[in-house]
């Protein structure tokens, strides 16, 4: 009888040890999964930040080019207008005068 009780206690102790071992293993797996998830998240965020930086650089260059082109076109139009004004100002003044005065 004593032997049977001792075996039951040993079996219970082994079961408790196995349960604790399984709990520790489960905690380690959970921790590893959390670490892997964090690493994956960090990688995707780093990749996203890198892509955003590339896009910002591209957009800034494209915007600067458009601004430069618009400024050059504006300068060209201004030069043309000044040239037209210099060539036609006397005729325009006379024409306006004649239309107003009659």
N, C-alpha and C. Protein backbone atom coordinates (compact mmCIF):
# COMPACT_ATOMS: atom_id res chain seq x y z
N UNK A 1 0.82 -1.18 0.00
CA UNK A 1 0.00 0.00 0.00
C UNK A 1 0.87 1.26 0.00
N UNK A 2 1.88 1.25 0.86
CA UNK A 2 2.81 2.37 0.92
C UNK A 2 3.46 2.59 -0.44
N UNK A 3 3.81 1.51 -1.07
CA UNK A 3 4.46 1.58 -2.38
C UNK A 3 3.53 2.23 -3.40
N UNK A 4 2.28 1.87 -3.36
CA UNK A 4 1.30 2.41 -4.28
C UNK A 4 1.14 3.92 -4.05
N UNK A 5 1.07 4.33 -2.81
CA UNK A 5 0.92 5.76 -2.48
C UNK A 5 2.16 6.52 -2.95
N UNK A 6 3.33 5.91 -2.72
CA UNK A 6 4.58 6.54 -3.16
C UNK A 6 4.58 6.71 -4.68
N UNK A 7 4.13 5.70 -5.41
CA UNK A 7 4.08 5.78 -6.87
C UNK A 7 3.09 6.85 -7.34
N UNK A 8 1.95 6.93 -6.67
CA UNK A 8 0.96 7.96 -7.03
C UNK A 8 1.56 9.34 -6.80
N UNK A 9 2.26 9.52 -5.68
CA UNK A 9 2.89 10.81 -5.39
C UNK A 9 3.97 11.11 -6.42
N UNK A 10 4.77 10.11 -6.76
CA UNK A 10 5.81 10.29 -7.79
C UNK A 10 5.18 10.65 -9.13
N UNK A 11 4.11 9.94 -9.49
CA UNK A 11 3.43 10.22 -10.75
C UNK A 11 2.86 11.64 -10.73
N UNK A 12 2.30 12.03 -9.59
CA UNK A 12 1.76 13.38 -9.47
C UNK A 12 2.88 14.41 -9.60
N UNK A 13 4.00 14.15 -8.94
CA UNK A 13 5.14 15.06 -9.03
C UNK A 13 5.68 15.13 -10.46
N UNK A 14 5.75 14.00 -11.15
CA UNK A 14 6.20 13.97 -12.55
C UNK A 14 5.23 14.74 -13.43
N UNK A 15 3.94 14.57 -13.17
CA UNK A 15 2.93 15.29 -13.95
C UNK A 15 3.07 16.79 -13.72
N UNK A 16 3.29 17.19 -12.48
CA UNK A 16 3.47 18.61 -12.18
C UNK A 16 4.73 19.15 -12.86
N UNK A 17 5.80 18.36 -12.83
CA UNK A 17 7.05 18.78 -13.48
C UNK A 17 6.85 18.89 -14.99
N UNK A 18 6.14 17.93 -15.57
CA UNK A 18 5.86 17.96 -17.00
C UNK A 18 4.98 19.17 -17.34
N UNK A 19 4.00 19.42 -16.51
CA UNK A 19 3.12 20.58 -16.73
C UNK A 19 3.92 21.87 -16.67
N UNK A 20 4.81 21.98 -15.70
CA UNK A 20 5.65 23.17 -15.57
C UNK A 20 6.59 23.30 -16.77
N UNK A 21 7.13 22.18 -17.19
CA UNK A 21 8.01 22.18 -18.36
C UNK A 21 7.25 22.64 -19.60
N UNK A 22 6.04 22.13 -19.76
CA UNK A 22 5.21 22.54 -20.91
C UNK A 22 4.83 24.01 -20.82
N UNK A 23 4.55 24.49 -19.61
CA UNK A 23 4.21 25.90 -19.44
C UNK A 23 5.40 26.79 -19.81
N UNK A 24 6.59 26.38 -19.37
CA UNK A 24 7.80 27.15 -19.69
C UNK A 24 8.06 27.12 -21.19
N UNK A 25 7.90 25.96 -21.81
CA UNK A 25 8.10 25.84 -23.26
C UNK A 25 7.08 26.72 -24.01
N UNK A 26 5.84 26.72 -23.54
CA UNK A 26 4.81 27.55 -24.17
C UNK A 26 5.15 29.03 -24.03
N UNK A 27 5.63 29.43 -22.88
CA UNK A 27 6.04 30.83 -22.67
C UNK A 27 7.18 31.20 -23.61
N UNK A 28 8.15 30.28 -23.75
CA UNK A 28 9.28 30.54 -24.65
C UNK A 28 8.81 30.67 -26.09
N UNK A 29 7.87 29.78 -26.50
CA UNK A 29 7.33 29.87 -27.87
C UNK A 29 6.59 31.18 -28.08
N UNK A 30 5.81 31.56 -27.08
CA UNK A 30 5.06 32.82 -27.16
C UNK A 30 6.03 33.99 -27.27
N UNK A 31 7.08 33.99 -26.46
CA UNK A 31 8.08 35.05 -26.50
C UNK A 31 8.77 35.10 -27.87
N UNK A 32 9.11 33.92 -28.38
CA UNK A 32 9.78 33.86 -29.69
C UNK A 32 8.87 34.40 -30.79
N UNK A 33 7.59 34.02 -30.73
CA UNK A 33 6.63 34.52 -31.73
C UNK A 33 6.50 36.04 -31.64
N UNK A 34 6.42 36.56 -30.41
CA UNK A 34 6.34 38.01 -30.24
C UNK A 34 7.58 38.71 -30.78
N UNK A 35 8.76 38.13 -30.53
CA UNK A 35 10.00 38.71 -31.04
C UNK A 35 10.04 38.68 -32.56
N UNK A 36 9.61 37.56 -33.15
CA UNK A 36 9.58 37.45 -34.62
C UNK A 36 8.58 38.44 -35.21
N UNK A 37 7.43 38.58 -34.56
CA UNK A 37 6.42 39.53 -35.03
C UNK A 37 6.97 40.95 -34.97
N UNK A 38 7.66 41.27 -33.89
CA UNK A 38 8.26 42.61 -33.75
C UNK A 38 9.33 42.83 -34.81
N UNK A 39 10.12 41.81 -35.09
CA UNK A 39 11.17 41.93 -36.11
C UNK A 39 10.55 42.13 -37.49
N UNK A 40 9.49 41.38 -37.78
CA UNK A 40 8.81 41.52 -39.08
C UNK A 40 8.21 42.91 -39.20
N UNK A 41 7.55 43.37 -38.13
CA UNK A 41 6.96 44.71 -38.13
C UNK A 41 8.04 45.77 -38.36
N UNK A 42 9.16 45.63 -37.65
CA UNK A 42 10.26 46.60 -37.80
C UNK A 42 10.79 46.59 -39.23
N UNK A 43 10.95 45.40 -39.80
CA UNK A 43 11.45 45.31 -41.17
C UNK A 43 10.51 46.01 -42.14
N UNK A 44 9.20 45.74 -42.01
CA UNK A 44 8.24 46.38 -42.91
C UNK A 44 8.20 47.88 -42.70
N UNK A 45 8.29 48.33 -41.46
CA UNK A 45 8.30 49.77 -41.19
C UNK A 45 9.57 50.41 -41.76
N UNK A 46 10.71 49.75 -41.60
CA UNK A 46 11.96 50.27 -42.17
C UNK A 46 11.87 50.34 -43.69
N UNK A 47 11.33 49.28 -44.29
CA UNK A 47 11.15 49.27 -45.75
C UNK A 47 10.22 50.39 -46.18
N UNK A 48 9.14 50.57 -45.43
CA UNK A 48 8.17 51.62 -45.76
C UNK A 48 8.81 53.00 -45.64
N UNK A 49 9.58 53.21 -44.57
CA UNK A 49 10.25 54.50 -44.39
C UNK A 49 11.25 54.75 -45.52
N UNK A 50 11.95 53.71 -45.92
CA UNK A 50 12.91 53.83 -47.01
C UNK A 50 12.19 54.20 -48.31
N UNK A 51 11.09 53.54 -48.57
CA UNK A 51 10.30 53.81 -49.78
C UNK A 51 9.73 55.23 -49.74
N UNK A 52 9.28 55.66 -48.58
CA UNK A 52 8.75 57.02 -48.43
C UNK A 52 9.86 58.03 -48.70
N UNK A 53 11.04 57.78 -48.19
CA UNK A 53 12.16 58.69 -48.41
C UNK A 53 12.50 58.78 -49.89
N UNK A 54 12.52 57.62 -50.57
CA UNK A 54 12.79 57.62 -52.01
C UNK A 54 11.72 58.42 -52.75
N UNK A 55 10.46 58.18 -52.40
CA UNK A 55 9.36 58.89 -53.07
C UNK A 55 9.42 60.38 -52.79
N UNK A 56 9.75 60.75 -51.56
CA UNK A 56 9.86 62.18 -51.24
C UNK A 56 10.95 62.83 -52.07
N UNK A 57 12.08 62.15 -52.20
CA UNK A 57 13.18 62.68 -53.01
C UNK A 57 12.74 62.84 -54.47
N UNK A 58 12.08 61.81 -54.99
CA UNK A 58 11.60 61.86 -56.37
C UNK A 58 10.60 63.00 -56.56
N UNK A 59 9.65 63.11 -55.63
CA UNK A 59 8.63 64.15 -55.74
C UNK A 59 9.27 65.53 -55.64
N UNK A 60 10.21 65.68 -54.73
CA UNK A 60 10.87 66.97 -54.60
C UNK A 60 11.63 67.34 -55.88
N UNK A 61 12.34 66.39 -56.46
CA UNK A 61 13.07 66.66 -57.71
C UNK A 61 12.11 67.02 -58.82
N UNK A 62 11.00 66.26 -58.91
CA UNK A 62 10.00 66.53 -59.95
C UNK A 62 9.36 67.90 -59.75
N UNK A 63 9.09 68.25 -58.51
CA UNK A 63 8.49 69.55 -58.22
C UNK A 63 9.47 70.67 -58.55
N UNK A 64 10.73 70.49 -58.20
CA UNK A 64 11.73 71.50 -58.52
C UNK A 64 11.87 71.67 -60.04
N UNK A 65 11.81 70.55 -60.76
CA UNK A 65 11.90 70.62 -62.23
C UNK A 65 10.71 71.38 -62.80
N UNK A 66 9.50 71.07 -62.30
CA UNK A 66 8.31 71.77 -62.78
C UNK A 66 8.39 73.27 -62.45
N UNK A 67 8.86 73.58 -61.25
CA UNK A 67 9.00 74.98 -60.87
C UNK A 67 10.02 75.68 -61.76
N UNK A 68 11.12 75.00 -62.00
CA UNK A 68 12.15 75.56 -62.87
C UNK A 68 11.62 75.78 -64.28
N UNK A 69 10.88 74.79 -64.80
CA UNK A 69 10.29 74.93 -66.13
C UNK A 69 9.29 76.07 -66.18
N UNK A 70 8.45 76.18 -65.15
CA UNK A 70 7.45 77.25 -65.11
C UNK A 70 8.12 78.62 -65.01
N UNK A 71 9.18 78.70 -64.23
CA UNK A 71 9.91 79.96 -64.09
C UNK A 71 10.55 80.34 -65.42
N UNK A 72 11.14 79.37 -66.09
CA UNK A 72 11.75 79.63 -67.40
C UNK A 72 10.70 80.07 -68.41
N UNK A 73 9.54 79.44 -68.40
CA UNK A 73 8.46 79.81 -69.32
C UNK A 73 7.97 81.21 -69.00
N UNK A 74 7.83 81.52 -67.71
CA UNK A 74 7.39 82.84 -67.31
C UNK A 74 8.39 83.90 -67.77
N UNK A 75 9.67 83.62 -67.60
CA UNK A 75 10.71 84.55 -68.06
C UNK A 75 10.61 84.76 -69.57
N UNK A 76 10.41 83.67 -70.29
CA UNK A 76 10.29 83.75 -71.75
C UNK A 76 9.09 84.59 -72.16
N UNK A 77 7.95 84.36 -71.50
CA UNK A 77 6.74 85.12 -71.82
C UNK A 77 6.94 86.59 -71.46
N UNK A 78 7.58 86.86 -70.34
CA UNK A 78 7.83 88.24 -69.94
C UNK A 78 8.72 88.95 -70.96
N UNK A 79 9.76 88.27 -71.41
CA UNK A 79 10.64 88.86 -72.43
C UNK A 79 9.85 89.14 -73.71
N UNK A 80 8.99 88.20 -74.11
CA UNK A 80 8.17 88.38 -75.31
C UNK A 80 7.22 89.56 -75.14
N UNK A 81 6.60 89.66 -73.97
CA UNK A 81 5.67 90.77 -73.73
C UNK A 81 6.40 92.11 -73.76
N UNK A 82 7.57 92.16 -73.14
CA UNK A 82 8.34 93.40 -73.15
C UNK A 82 8.75 93.77 -74.58
N UNK A 83 9.13 92.76 -75.34
CA UNK A 83 9.51 93.00 -76.73
C UNK A 83 8.32 93.52 -77.54
N UNK A 84 7.16 92.87 -77.36
CA UNK A 84 5.94 93.31 -78.05
C UNK A 84 5.59 94.74 -77.64
N UNK A 85 5.73 95.03 -76.36
CA UNK A 85 5.42 96.36 -75.86
C UNK A 85 6.35 97.39 -76.50
N UNK A 86 7.65 97.10 -76.52
CA UNK A 86 8.61 98.03 -77.11
C UNK A 86 8.35 98.25 -78.60
N UNK A 87 7.99 97.21 -79.30
CA UNK A 87 7.74 97.32 -80.74
C UNK A 87 6.42 98.02 -81.06
N UNK A 88 5.41 97.84 -80.20
CA UNK A 88 4.07 98.30 -80.55
C UNK A 88 3.52 99.41 -79.68
N UNK A 89 4.27 99.91 -78.73
CA UNK A 89 3.70 100.85 -77.77
C UNK A 89 3.17 102.12 -78.44
N UNK A 90 3.92 102.66 -79.36
CA UNK A 90 3.46 103.90 -80.03
C UNK A 90 2.19 103.64 -80.82
N UNK A 91 2.15 102.53 -81.52
CA UNK A 91 0.95 102.20 -82.31
C UNK A 91 -0.24 101.98 -81.38
N UNK A 92 0.00 101.30 -80.25
CA UNK A 92 -1.09 101.01 -79.30
C UNK A 92 -1.60 102.31 -78.65
N UNK A 93 -0.69 103.18 -78.31
CA UNK A 93 -1.09 104.46 -77.71
C UNK A 93 -1.93 105.24 -78.71
N UNK A 94 -1.47 105.30 -79.96
CA UNK A 94 -2.23 106.02 -81.00
C UNK A 94 -3.60 105.38 -81.20
N UNK A 95 -3.65 104.05 -81.24
CA UNK A 95 -4.92 103.37 -81.47
C UNK A 95 -5.88 103.60 -80.31
N UNK A 96 -5.39 103.54 -79.11
CA UNK A 96 -6.24 103.79 -77.94
C UNK A 96 -6.73 105.24 -77.96
N UNK A 97 -5.83 106.14 -78.26
CA UNK A 97 -6.21 107.56 -78.33
C UNK A 97 -7.30 107.78 -79.38
N UNK A 98 -7.11 107.20 -80.56
CA UNK A 98 -8.08 107.37 -81.64
C UNK A 98 -9.43 106.75 -81.30
N UNK A 99 -9.44 105.66 -80.60
CA UNK A 99 -10.70 105.01 -80.22
C UNK A 99 -11.44 105.84 -79.15
N UNK A 100 -10.66 106.44 -78.25
CA UNK A 100 -11.29 107.20 -77.17
C UNK A 100 -11.74 108.57 -77.69
N UNK A 101 -10.87 109.23 -78.41
CA UNK A 101 -11.17 110.59 -78.87
C UNK A 101 -12.01 110.56 -80.13
N UNK A 102 -11.74 109.65 -80.96
CA UNK A 102 -12.62 109.50 -82.08
C UNK A 102 -12.02 109.67 -83.38
